[in-house]
mmCIF file of all heavy atoms, coordinates in Angstrom:
data_MODEL
# 
_entry.id   MODEL 
# 
loop_
_atom_site.group_PDB 
_atom_site.id 
_atom_site.type_symbol 
_atom_site.label_atom_id 
_atom_site.label_alt_id 
_atom_site.label_comp_id 
_atom_site.label_asym_id 
_atom_site.label_entity_id 
_atom_site.label_seq_id 
_atom_site.pdbx_PDB_ins_code 
_atom_site.Cartn_x 
_atom_site.Cartn_y 
_atom_site.Cartn_z 
_atom_site.occupancy 
_atom_site.B_iso_or_equiv 
_atom_site.pdbx_formal_charge 
_atom_site.auth_seq_id 
_atom_site.auth_comp_id 
_atom_site.auth_asym_id 
_atom_site.auth_atom_id 
_atom_site.pdbx_PDB_model_num 
ATOM 1   N N   . ALA A 1 1  ? -25.507 81.560 -29.601 1.00 0.00 ? 1  ALA A N   1 
ATOM 2   C CA  . ALA A 1 1  ? -26.594 81.585 -30.526 1.00 0.00 ? 1  ALA A CA  1 
ATOM 3   C C   . ALA A 1 1  ? -26.191 82.025 -31.911 1.00 0.00 ? 1  ALA A C   1 
ATOM 4   O O   . ALA A 1 1  ? -26.714 81.503 -32.912 1.00 0.00 ? 1  ALA A O   1 
ATOM 5   C CB  . ALA A 1 1  ? -27.739 82.542 -29.994 1.00 0.00 ? 1  ALA A CB  1 
ATOM 6   N N   . ILE A 1 2  ? -25.371 83.069 -31.948 1.00 0.00 ? 2  ILE A N   1 
ATOM 7   C CA  . ILE A 1 2  ? -24.880 83.566 -33.313 1.00 0.00 ? 2  ILE A CA  1 
ATOM 8   C C   . ILE A 1 2  ? -23.980 82.451 -33.939 1.00 0.00 ? 2  ILE A C   1 
ATOM 9   O O   . ILE A 1 2  ? -24.084 82.307 -35.114 1.00 0.00 ? 2  ILE A O   1 
ATOM 10  C CB  . ILE A 1 2  ? -24.075 84.835 -33.015 1.00 0.00 ? 2  ILE A CB  1 
ATOM 11  C CG1 . ILE A 1 2  ? -24.899 85.960 -32.589 1.00 0.00 ? 2  ILE A CG1 1 
ATOM 12  C CG2 . ILE A 1 2  ? -23.291 85.237 -34.275 1.00 0.00 ? 2  ILE A CG2 1 
ATOM 13  C CD1 . ILE A 1 2  ? -24.133 87.284 -32.149 1.00 0.00 ? 2  ILE A CD1 1 
ATOM 14  N N   . CYS A 1 3  ? -23.138 81.809 -33.161 1.00 0.00 ? 3  CYS A N   1 
ATOM 15  C CA  . CYS A 1 3  ? -22.354 80.713 -33.758 1.00 0.00 ? 3  CYS A CA  1 
ATOM 16  C C   . CYS A 1 3  ? -23.154 79.579 -34.285 1.00 0.00 ? 3  CYS A C   1 
ATOM 17  O O   . CYS A 1 3  ? -22.914 79.094 -35.412 1.00 0.00 ? 3  CYS A O   1 
ATOM 18  C CB  . CYS A 1 3  ? -21.434 80.141 -32.650 1.00 0.00 ? 3  CYS A CB  1 
ATOM 19  S SG  . CYS A 1 3  ? -20.095 81.262 -32.129 1.00 0.00 ? 3  CYS A SG  1 
ATOM 20  N N   . ILE A 1 4  ? -24.219 79.237 -33.627 1.00 0.00 ? 4  ILE A N   1 
ATOM 21  C CA  . ILE A 1 4  ? -25.111 78.147 -34.056 1.00 0.00 ? 4  ILE A CA  1 
ATOM 22  C C   . ILE A 1 4  ? -25.785 78.643 -35.296 1.00 0.00 ? 4  ILE A C   1 
ATOM 23  O O   . ILE A 1 4  ? -25.978 77.820 -36.227 1.00 0.00 ? 4  ILE A O   1 
ATOM 24  C CB  . ILE A 1 4  ? -26.168 77.726 -32.911 1.00 0.00 ? 4  ILE A CB  1 
ATOM 25  C CG1 . ILE A 1 4  ? -25.376 77.146 -31.774 1.00 0.00 ? 4  ILE A CG1 1 
ATOM 26  C CG2 . ILE A 1 4  ? -27.203 76.824 -33.448 1.00 0.00 ? 4  ILE A CG2 1 
ATOM 27  C CD1 . ILE A 1 4  ? -26.223 76.863 -30.547 1.00 0.00 ? 4  ILE A CD1 1 
ATOM 28  N N   . ALA A 1 5  ? -26.250 79.809 -35.328 1.00 0.00 ? 5  ALA A N   1 
ATOM 29  C CA  . ALA A 1 5  ? -26.935 80.364 -36.526 1.00 0.00 ? 5  ALA A CA  1 
ATOM 30  C C   . ALA A 1 5  ? -26.118 80.336 -37.749 1.00 0.00 ? 5  ALA A C   1 
ATOM 31  O O   . ALA A 1 5  ? -26.498 79.943 -38.806 1.00 0.00 ? 5  ALA A O   1 
ATOM 32  C CB  . ALA A 1 5  ? -27.467 81.808 -36.160 1.00 0.00 ? 5  ALA A CB  1 
ATOM 33  N N   . LYS A 1 6  ? -24.797 80.643 -37.572 1.00 0.00 ? 6  LYS A N   1 
ATOM 34  C CA  . LYS A 1 6  ? -23.982 80.726 -38.720 1.00 0.00 ? 6  LYS A CA  1 
ATOM 35  C C   . LYS A 1 6  ? -23.667 79.266 -39.202 1.00 0.00 ? 6  LYS A C   1 
ATOM 36  O O   . LYS A 1 6  ? -23.630 78.982 -40.370 1.00 0.00 ? 6  LYS A O   1 
ATOM 37  C CB  . LYS A 1 6  ? -22.648 81.375 -38.339 1.00 0.00 ? 6  LYS A CB  1 
ATOM 38  C CG  . LYS A 1 6  ? -22.745 82.892 -38.170 1.00 0.00 ? 6  LYS A CG  1 
ATOM 39  C CD  . LYS A 1 6  ? -21.463 83.522 -37.769 1.00 0.00 ? 6  LYS A CD  1 
ATOM 40  C CE  . LYS A 1 6  ? -21.567 84.997 -37.509 1.00 0.00 ? 6  LYS A CE  1 
ATOM 41  N NZ  . LYS A 1 6  ? -20.328 85.679 -37.102 1.00 0.00 ? 6  LYS A NZ  1 
ATOM 42  N N   . ASP A 1 7  ? -23.544 78.331 -38.245 1.00 0.00 ? 7  ASP A N   1 
ATOM 43  C CA  . ASP A 1 7  ? -23.326 76.925 -38.590 1.00 0.00 ? 7  ASP A CA  1 
ATOM 44  C C   . ASP A 1 7  ? -24.545 76.302 -39.250 1.00 0.00 ? 7  ASP A C   1 
ATOM 45  O O   . ASP A 1 7  ? -24.278 75.510 -40.244 1.00 0.00 ? 7  ASP A O   1 
ATOM 46  C CB  . ASP A 1 7  ? -23.022 76.118 -37.316 1.00 0.00 ? 7  ASP A CB  1 
ATOM 47  C CG  . ASP A 1 7  ? -21.664 76.401 -36.736 1.00 0.00 ? 7  ASP A CG  1 
ATOM 48  O OD1 . ASP A 1 7  ? -20.800 76.985 -37.491 1.00 0.00 ? 7  ASP A OD1 1 
ATOM 49  O OD2 . ASP A 1 7  ? -21.415 76.095 -35.575 1.00 0.00 ? 7  ASP A OD2 1 
ATOM 50  N N   . MET A 1 8  ? -25.758 76.748 -38.996 1.00 0.00 ? 8  MET A N   1 
ATOM 51  C CA  . MET A 1 8  ? -26.894 76.186 -39.530 1.00 0.00 ? 8  MET A CA  1 
ATOM 52  C C   . MET A 1 8  ? -27.371 76.963 -40.819 1.00 0.00 ? 8  MET A C   1 
ATOM 53  O O   . MET A 1 8  ? -28.192 76.516 -41.507 1.00 0.00 ? 8  MET A O   1 
ATOM 54  C CB  . MET A 1 8  ? -28.056 76.246 -38.541 1.00 0.00 ? 8  MET A CB  1 
ATOM 55  C CG  . MET A 1 8  ? -27.849 75.327 -37.322 1.00 0.00 ? 8  MET A CG  1 
ATOM 56  S SD  . MET A 1 8  ? -29.212 75.538 -36.137 1.00 0.00 ? 8  MET A SD  1 
ATOM 57  C CE  . MET A 1 8  ? -30.591 74.958 -37.062 1.00 0.00 ? 8  MET A CE  1 
ATOM 58  N N   . GLY A 1 9  ? -26.728 78.052 -41.037 1.00 0.00 ? 9  GLY A N   1 
ATOM 59  C CA  . GLY A 1 9  ? -27.041 78.851 -42.189 1.00 0.00 ? 9  GLY A CA  1 
ATOM 60  C C   . GLY A 1 9  ? -28.411 79.622 -42.058 1.00 0.00 ? 9  GLY A C   1 
ATOM 61  O O   . GLY A 1 9  ? -29.049 79.961 -42.987 1.00 0.00 ? 9  GLY A O   1 
ATOM 62  N N   . VAL A 1 10 ? -28.722 79.837 -40.815 1.00 0.00 ? 10 VAL A N   1 
ATOM 63  C CA  . VAL A 1 10 ? -30.020 80.555 -40.410 1.00 0.00 ? 10 VAL A CA  1 
ATOM 64  C C   . VAL A 1 10 ? -29.788 81.976 -40.106 1.00 0.00 ? 10 VAL A C   1 
ATOM 65  O O   . VAL A 1 10 ? -28.710 82.276 -39.526 1.00 0.00 ? 10 VAL A O   1 
ATOM 66  C CB  . VAL A 1 10 ? -30.722 79.897 -39.274 1.00 0.00 ? 10 VAL A CB  1 
ATOM 67  C CG1 . VAL A 1 10 ? -32.047 80.553 -38.987 1.00 0.00 ? 10 VAL A CG1 1 
ATOM 68  C CG2 . VAL A 1 10 ? -31.061 78.387 -39.594 1.00 0.00 ? 10 VAL A CG2 1 
ATOM 69  N N   . SER A 1 11 ? -30.586 82.904 -40.586 1.00 0.00 ? 11 SER A N   1 
ATOM 70  C CA  . SER A 1 11 ? -30.353 84.318 -40.283 1.00 0.00 ? 11 SER A CA  1 
ATOM 71  C C   . SER A 1 11 ? -30.414 84.699 -38.877 1.00 0.00 ? 11 SER A C   1 
ATOM 72  O O   . SER A 1 11 ? -31.120 83.983 -38.015 1.00 0.00 ? 11 SER A O   1 
ATOM 73  C CB  . SER A 1 11 ? -31.362 85.159 -41.074 1.00 0.00 ? 11 SER A CB  1 
ATOM 74  O OG  . SER A 1 11 ? -32.676 85.065 -40.572 1.00 0.00 ? 11 SER A OG  1 
ATOM 75  N N   . GLU A 1 12 ? -29.808 85.734 -38.442 1.00 0.00 ? 12 GLU A N   1 
ATOM 76  C CA  . GLU A 1 12 ? -29.864 86.211 -37.067 1.00 0.00 ? 12 GLU A CA  1 
ATOM 77  C C   . GLU A 1 12 ? -31.278 86.527 -36.657 1.00 0.00 ? 12 GLU A C   1 
ATOM 78  O O   . GLU A 1 12 ? -31.670 86.250 -35.500 1.00 0.00 ? 12 GLU A O   1 
ATOM 79  C CB  . GLU A 1 12 ? -28.984 87.477 -36.925 1.00 0.00 ? 12 GLU A CB  1 
ATOM 80  C CG  . GLU A 1 12 ? -27.423 87.273 -37.106 1.00 0.00 ? 12 GLU A CG  1 
ATOM 81  C CD  . GLU A 1 12 ? -26.659 88.541 -37.107 1.00 0.00 ? 12 GLU A CD  1 
ATOM 82  O OE1 . GLU A 1 12 ? -27.363 89.571 -37.210 1.00 0.00 ? 12 GLU A OE1 1 
ATOM 83  O OE2 . GLU A 1 12 ? -25.465 88.473 -37.139 1.00 0.00 ? 12 GLU A OE2 1 
ATOM 84  N N   . PHE A 1 13 ? -32.010 87.127 -37.550 1.00 0.00 ? 13 PHE A N   1 
ATOM 85  C CA  . PHE A 1 13 ? -33.404 87.466 -37.233 1.00 0.00 ? 13 PHE A CA  1 
ATOM 86  C C   . PHE A 1 13 ? -34.275 86.273 -36.878 1.00 0.00 ? 13 PHE A C   1 
ATOM 87  O O   . PHE A 1 13 ? -35.040 86.253 -35.922 1.00 0.00 ? 13 PHE A O   1 
ATOM 88  C CB  . PHE A 1 13 ? -34.027 88.165 -38.430 1.00 0.00 ? 13 PHE A CB  1 
ATOM 89  C CG  . PHE A 1 13 ? -35.455 88.650 -38.195 1.00 0.00 ? 13 PHE A CG  1 
ATOM 90  C CD1 . PHE A 1 13 ? -35.729 89.806 -37.322 1.00 0.00 ? 13 PHE A CD1 1 
ATOM 91  C CD2 . PHE A 1 13 ? -36.519 88.020 -38.851 1.00 0.00 ? 13 PHE A CD2 1 
ATOM 92  C CE1 . PHE A 1 13 ? -37.039 90.193 -37.158 1.00 0.00 ? 13 PHE A CE1 1 
ATOM 93  C CE2 . PHE A 1 13 ? -37.785 88.457 -38.562 1.00 0.00 ? 13 PHE A CE2 1 
ATOM 94  C CZ  . PHE A 1 13 ? -38.082 89.472 -37.698 1.00 0.00 ? 13 PHE A CZ  1 
ATOM 95  N N   . VAL A 1 14 ? -34.099 85.161 -37.667 1.00 0.00 ? 14 VAL A N   1 
ATOM 96  C CA  . VAL A 1 14 ? -34.889 84.021 -37.482 1.00 0.00 ? 14 VAL A CA  1 
ATOM 97  C C   . VAL A 1 14 ? -34.547 83.361 -36.105 1.00 0.00 ? 14 VAL A C   1 
ATOM 98  O O   . VAL A 1 14 ? -35.338 82.868 -35.295 1.00 0.00 ? 14 VAL A O   1 
ATOM 99  C CB  . VAL A 1 14 ? -34.756 82.969 -38.603 1.00 0.00 ? 14 VAL A CB  1 
ATOM 100 C CG1 . VAL A 1 14 ? -35.422 81.621 -38.184 1.00 0.00 ? 14 VAL A CG1 1 
ATOM 101 C CG2 . VAL A 1 14 ? -35.439 83.535 -39.876 1.00 0.00 ? 14 VAL A CG2 1 
ATOM 102 N N   . ILE A 1 15 ? -33.178 83.261 -35.879 1.00 0.00 ? 15 ILE A N   1 
ATOM 103 C CA  . ILE A 1 15 ? -32.736 82.816 -34.587 1.00 0.00 ? 15 ILE A CA  1 
ATOM 104 C C   . ILE A 1 15 ? -33.275 83.632 -33.437 1.00 0.00 ? 15 ILE A C   1 
ATOM 105 O O   . ILE A 1 15 ? -33.620 83.115 -32.337 1.00 0.00 ? 15 ILE A O   1 
ATOM 106 C CB  . ILE A 1 15 ? -31.054 82.826 -34.508 1.00 0.00 ? 15 ILE A CB  1 
ATOM 107 C CG1 . ILE A 1 15 ? -30.574 81.708 -35.458 1.00 0.00 ? 15 ILE A CG1 1 
ATOM 108 C CG2 . ILE A 1 15 ? -30.637 82.586 -33.121 1.00 0.00 ? 15 ILE A CG2 1 
ATOM 109 C CD1 . ILE A 1 15 ? -30.927 80.326 -34.992 1.00 0.00 ? 15 ILE A CD1 1 
ATOM 110 N N   . GLY A 1 16 ? -33.303 84.993 -33.643 1.00 0.00 ? 16 GLY A N   1 
ATOM 111 C CA  . GLY A 1 16 ? -33.805 85.859 -32.687 1.00 0.00 ? 16 GLY A CA  1 
ATOM 112 C C   . GLY A 1 16 ? -35.252 85.642 -32.325 1.00 0.00 ? 16 GLY A C   1 
ATOM 113 O O   . GLY A 1 16 ? -35.664 85.609 -31.122 1.00 0.00 ? 16 GLY A O   1 
ATOM 114 N N   . ILE A 1 17 ? -36.083 85.450 -33.261 1.00 0.00 ? 17 ILE A N   1 
ATOM 115 C CA  . ILE A 1 17 ? -37.591 85.280 -33.054 1.00 0.00 ? 17 ILE A CA  1 
ATOM 116 C C   . ILE A 1 17 ? -37.903 83.900 -32.634 1.00 0.00 ? 17 ILE A C   1 
ATOM 117 O O   . ILE A 1 17 ? -39.131 83.614 -32.258 1.00 0.00 ? 17 ILE A O   1 
ATOM 118 C CB  . ILE A 1 17 ? -38.363 85.706 -34.337 1.00 0.00 ? 17 ILE A CB  1 
ATOM 119 C CG1 . ILE A 1 17 ? -37.990 84.761 -35.518 1.00 0.00 ? 17 ILE A CG1 1 
ATOM 120 C CG2 . ILE A 1 17 ? -38.165 87.144 -34.664 1.00 0.00 ? 17 ILE A CG2 1 
ATOM 121 C CD1 . ILE A 1 17 ? -38.931 85.040 -36.760 1.00 0.00 ? 17 ILE A CD1 1 
ATOM 122 N N   . THR A 1 18 ? -36.951 82.969 -32.675 1.00 0.00 ? 18 THR A N   1 
ATOM 123 C CA  . THR A 1 18 ? -37.368 81.578 -32.325 1.00 0.00 ? 18 THR A CA  1 
ATOM 124 C C   . THR A 1 18 ? -36.583 81.104 -31.057 1.00 0.00 ? 18 THR A C   1 
ATOM 125 O O   . THR A 1 18 ? -37.014 81.160 -29.965 1.00 0.00 ? 18 THR A O   1 
ATOM 126 C CB  . THR A 1 18 ? -37.101 80.617 -33.459 1.00 0.00 ? 18 THR A CB  1 
ATOM 127 O OG1 . THR A 1 18 ? -35.724 80.743 -33.953 1.00 0.00 ? 18 THR A OG1 1 
ATOM 128 C CG2 . THR A 1 18 ? -38.052 80.848 -34.631 1.00 0.00 ? 18 THR A CG2 1 
ATOM 129 N N   . ILE A 1 19 ? -35.278 80.721 -31.239 1.00 0.00 ? 19 ILE A N   1 
ATOM 130 C CA  . ILE A 1 19 ? -34.521 80.073 -30.200 1.00 0.00 ? 19 ILE A CA  1 
ATOM 131 C C   . ILE A 1 19 ? -34.226 81.171 -29.050 1.00 0.00 ? 19 ILE A C   1 
ATOM 132 O O   . ILE A 1 19 ? -34.476 80.877 -27.928 1.00 0.00 ? 19 ILE A O   1 
ATOM 133 C CB  . ILE A 1 19 ? -33.147 79.587 -30.688 1.00 0.00 ? 19 ILE A CB  1 
ATOM 134 C CG1 . ILE A 1 19 ? -33.386 78.454 -31.760 1.00 0.00 ? 19 ILE A CG1 1 
ATOM 135 C CG2 . ILE A 1 19 ? -32.275 79.045 -29.550 1.00 0.00 ? 19 ILE A CG2 1 
ATOM 136 C CD1 . ILE A 1 19 ? -32.150 77.948 -32.373 1.00 0.00 ? 19 ILE A CD1 1 
ATOM 137 N N   . VAL A 1 20 ? -33.747 82.354 -29.421 1.00 0.00 ? 20 VAL A N   1 
ATOM 138 C CA  . VAL A 1 20 ? -33.340 83.325 -28.410 1.00 0.00 ? 20 VAL A CA  1 
ATOM 139 C C   . VAL A 1 20 ? -34.645 83.822 -27.635 1.00 0.00 ? 20 VAL A C   1 
ATOM 140 O O   . VAL A 1 20 ? -34.712 83.977 -26.464 1.00 0.00 ? 20 VAL A O   1 
ATOM 141 C CB  . VAL A 1 20 ? -32.669 84.511 -29.072 1.00 0.00 ? 20 VAL A CB  1 
ATOM 142 C CG1 . VAL A 1 20 ? -32.399 85.616 -28.053 1.00 0.00 ? 20 VAL A CG1 1 
ATOM 143 C CG2 . VAL A 1 20 ? -31.241 83.991 -29.588 1.00 0.00 ? 20 VAL A CG2 1 
ATOM 144 N N   . ALA A 1 21 ? -35.695 84.013 -28.523 1.00 0.00 ? 21 ALA A N   1 
ATOM 145 C CA  . ALA A 1 21 ? -36.964 84.512 -27.919 1.00 0.00 ? 21 ALA A CA  1 
ATOM 146 C C   . ALA A 1 21 ? -37.534 83.515 -26.964 1.00 0.00 ? 21 ALA A C   1 
ATOM 147 O O   . ALA A 1 21 ? -38.041 83.783 -25.871 1.00 0.00 ? 21 ALA A O   1 
ATOM 148 C CB  . ALA A 1 21 ? -38.013 84.782 -29.045 1.00 0.00 ? 21 ALA A CB  1 
ATOM 149 N N   . PHE A 1 22 ? -37.480 82.241 -27.321 1.00 0.00 ? 22 PHE A N   1 
ATOM 150 C CA  . PHE A 1 22 ? -37.955 81.155 -26.477 1.00 0.00 ? 22 PHE A CA  1 
ATOM 151 C C   . PHE A 1 22 ? -37.188 81.155 -25.144 1.00 0.00 ? 22 PHE A C   1 
ATOM 152 O O   . PHE A 1 22 ? -37.780 81.141 -24.048 1.00 0.00 ? 22 PHE A O   1 
ATOM 153 C CB  . PHE A 1 22 ? -37.850 79.760 -27.131 1.00 0.00 ? 22 PHE A CB  1 
ATOM 154 C CG  . PHE A 1 22 ? -38.172 78.653 -26.172 1.00 0.00 ? 22 PHE A CG  1 
ATOM 155 C CD1 . PHE A 1 22 ? -39.444 78.327 -25.909 1.00 0.00 ? 22 PHE A CD1 1 
ATOM 156 C CD2 . PHE A 1 22 ? -37.099 77.878 -25.580 1.00 0.00 ? 22 PHE A CD2 1 
ATOM 157 C CE1 . PHE A 1 22 ? -39.768 77.296 -25.048 1.00 0.00 ? 22 PHE A CE1 1 
ATOM 158 C CE2 . PHE A 1 22 ? -37.338 76.827 -24.764 1.00 0.00 ? 22 PHE A CE2 1 
ATOM 159 C CZ  . PHE A 1 22 ? -38.687 76.570 -24.458 1.00 0.00 ? 22 PHE A CZ  1 
ATOM 160 N N   . GLY A 1 23 ? -35.865 81.294 -25.226 1.00 0.00 ? 23 GLY A N   1 
ATOM 161 C CA  . GLY A 1 23 ? -35.017 81.185 -24.015 1.00 0.00 ? 23 GLY A CA  1 
ATOM 162 C C   . GLY A 1 23 ? -35.278 82.400 -23.049 1.00 0.00 ? 23 GLY A C   1 
ATOM 163 O O   . GLY A 1 23 ? -35.381 82.282 -21.934 1.00 0.00 ? 23 GLY A O   1 
ATOM 164 N N   . THR A 1 24 ? -35.399 83.626 -23.652 1.00 0.00 ? 24 THR A N   1 
ATOM 165 C CA  . THR A 1 24 ? -35.631 84.819 -22.842 1.00 0.00 ? 24 THR A CA  1 
ATOM 166 C C   . THR A 1 24 ? -37.065 84.888 -22.299 1.00 0.00 ? 24 THR A C   1 
ATOM 167 O O   . THR A 1 24 ? -37.326 85.769 -21.459 1.00 0.00 ? 24 THR A O   1 
ATOM 168 C CB  . THR A 1 24 ? -35.239 86.038 -23.593 1.00 0.00 ? 24 THR A CB  1 
ATOM 169 O OG1 . THR A 1 24 ? -35.968 86.155 -24.873 1.00 0.00 ? 24 THR A OG1 1 
ATOM 170 C CG2 . THR A 1 24 ? -33.749 86.072 -23.906 1.00 0.00 ? 24 THR A CG2 1 
ATOM 171 N N   . SER A 1 25 ? -37.977 84.146 -22.899 1.00 0.00 ? 25 SER A N   1 
ATOM 172 C CA  . SER A 1 25 ? -39.331 84.135 -22.439 1.00 0.00 ? 25 SER A CA  1 
ATOM 173 C C   . SER A 1 25 ? -39.596 83.088 -21.254 1.00 0.00 ? 25 SER A C   1 
ATOM 174 O O   . SER A 1 25 ? -40.712 83.123 -20.674 1.00 0.00 ? 25 SER A O   1 
ATOM 175 C CB  . SER A 1 25 ? -40.308 83.848 -23.545 1.00 0.00 ? 25 SER A CB  1 
ATOM 176 O OG  . SER A 1 25 ? -40.305 84.907 -24.462 1.00 0.00 ? 25 SER A OG  1 
ATOM 177 N N   . LEU A 1 26 ? -38.573 82.301 -20.966 1.00 0.00 ? 26 LEU A N   1 
ATOM 178 C CA  . LEU A 1 26 ? -38.758 81.323 -19.909 1.00 0.00 ? 26 LEU A CA  1 
ATOM 179 C C   . LEU A 1 26 ? -39.016 81.924 -18.546 1.00 0.00 ? 26 LEU A C   1 
ATOM 180 O O   . LEU A 1 26 ? -39.834 81.340 -17.803 1.00 0.00 ? 26 LEU A O   1 
ATOM 181 C CB  . LEU A 1 26 ? -37.500 80.369 -19.889 1.00 0.00 ? 26 LEU A CB  1 
ATOM 182 C CG  . LEU A 1 26 ? -37.446 79.346 -20.966 1.00 0.00 ? 26 LEU A CG  1 
ATOM 183 C CD1 . LEU A 1 26 ? -36.140 78.447 -20.832 1.00 0.00 ? 26 LEU A CD1 1 
ATOM 184 C CD2 . LEU A 1 26 ? -38.637 78.458 -21.050 1.00 0.00 ? 26 LEU A CD2 1 
ATOM 185 N N   . PRO A 1 27 ? -38.379 83.006 -18.141 1.00 0.00 ? 27 PRO A N   1 
ATOM 186 C CA  . PRO A 1 27 ? -38.726 83.653 -16.919 1.00 0.00 ? 27 PRO A CA  1 
ATOM 187 C C   . PRO A 1 27 ? -40.231 84.011 -16.776 1.00 0.00 ? 27 PRO A C   1 
ATOM 188 O O   . PRO A 1 27 ? -40.839 83.823 -15.797 1.00 0.00 ? 27 PRO A O   1 
ATOM 189 C CB  . PRO A 1 27 ? -37.808 84.878 -16.787 1.00 0.00 ? 27 PRO A CB  1 
ATOM 190 C CG  . PRO A 1 27 ? -36.656 84.536 -17.683 1.00 0.00 ? 27 PRO A CG  1 
ATOM 191 C CD  . PRO A 1 27 ? -37.171 83.721 -18.796 1.00 0.00 ? 27 PRO A CD  1 
ATOM 192 N N   . GLU A 1 28 ? -40.827 84.553 -17.861 1.00 0.00 ? 28 GLU A N   1 
ATOM 193 C CA  . GLU A 1 28 ? -42.192 84.847 -17.891 1.00 0.00 ? 28 GLU A CA  1 
ATOM 194 C C   . GLU A 1 28 ? -43.061 83.624 -17.753 1.00 0.00 ? 28 GLU A C   1 
ATOM 195 O O   . GLU A 1 28 ? -44.047 83.583 -17.078 1.00 0.00 ? 28 GLU A O   1 
ATOM 196 C CB  . GLU A 1 28 ? -42.557 85.530 -19.201 1.00 0.00 ? 28 GLU A CB  1 
ATOM 197 C CG  . GLU A 1 28 ? -42.182 87.046 -19.359 1.00 0.00 ? 28 GLU A CG  1 
ATOM 198 C CD  . GLU A 1 28 ? -40.817 87.256 -19.920 1.00 0.00 ? 28 GLU A CD  1 
ATOM 199 O OE1 . GLU A 1 28 ? -39.982 86.311 -19.965 1.00 0.00 ? 28 GLU A OE1 1 
ATOM 200 O OE2 . GLU A 1 28 ? -40.534 88.400 -20.291 1.00 0.00 ? 28 GLU A OE2 1 
ATOM 201 N N   . LEU A 1 29 ? -42.650 82.541 -18.394 1.00 0.00 ? 29 LEU A N   1 
ATOM 202 C CA  . LEU A 1 29 ? -43.320 81.255 -18.346 1.00 0.00 ? 29 LEU A CA  1 
ATOM 203 C C   . LEU A 1 29 ? -43.424 80.780 -16.975 1.00 0.00 ? 29 LEU A C   1 
ATOM 204 O O   . LEU A 1 29 ? -44.520 80.367 -16.388 1.00 0.00 ? 29 LEU A O   1 
ATOM 205 C CB  . LEU A 1 29 ? -42.696 80.230 -19.217 1.00 0.00 ? 29 LEU A CB  1 
ATOM 206 C CG  . LEU A 1 29 ? -43.314 78.826 -19.308 1.00 0.00 ? 29 LEU A CG  1 
ATOM 207 C CD1 . LEU A 1 29 ? -44.780 78.908 -19.701 1.00 0.00 ? 29 LEU A CD1 1 
ATOM 208 C CD2 . LEU A 1 29 ? -42.480 77.890 -20.181 1.00 0.00 ? 29 LEU A CD2 1 
ATOM 209 N N   . VAL A 1 30 ? -42.262 80.737 -16.305 1.00 0.00 ? 30 VAL A N   1 
ATOM 210 C CA  . VAL A 1 30 ? -42.184 80.174 -14.899 1.00 0.00 ? 30 VAL A CA  1 
ATOM 211 C C   . VAL A 1 30 ? -43.020 81.077 -13.941 1.00 0.00 ? 30 VAL A C   1 
ATOM 212 O O   . VAL A 1 30 ? -43.818 80.504 -13.153 1.00 0.00 ? 30 VAL A O   1 
ATOM 213 C CB  . VAL A 1 30 ? -40.726 80.071 -14.447 1.00 0.00 ? 30 VAL A CB  1 
ATOM 214 C CG1 . VAL A 1 30 ? -40.694 79.737 -12.956 1.00 0.00 ? 30 VAL A CG1 1 
ATOM 215 C CG2 . VAL A 1 30 ? -39.872 79.084 -15.238 1.00 0.00 ? 30 VAL A CG2 1 
# 
């Protein structure tokens, strides 16, 4: 996730509240 964020020029915080947050919320969703 950090590698992708750096490649896209997106901050760690934004990656955290979007992509990473979505991924780690999947157990709750299921």
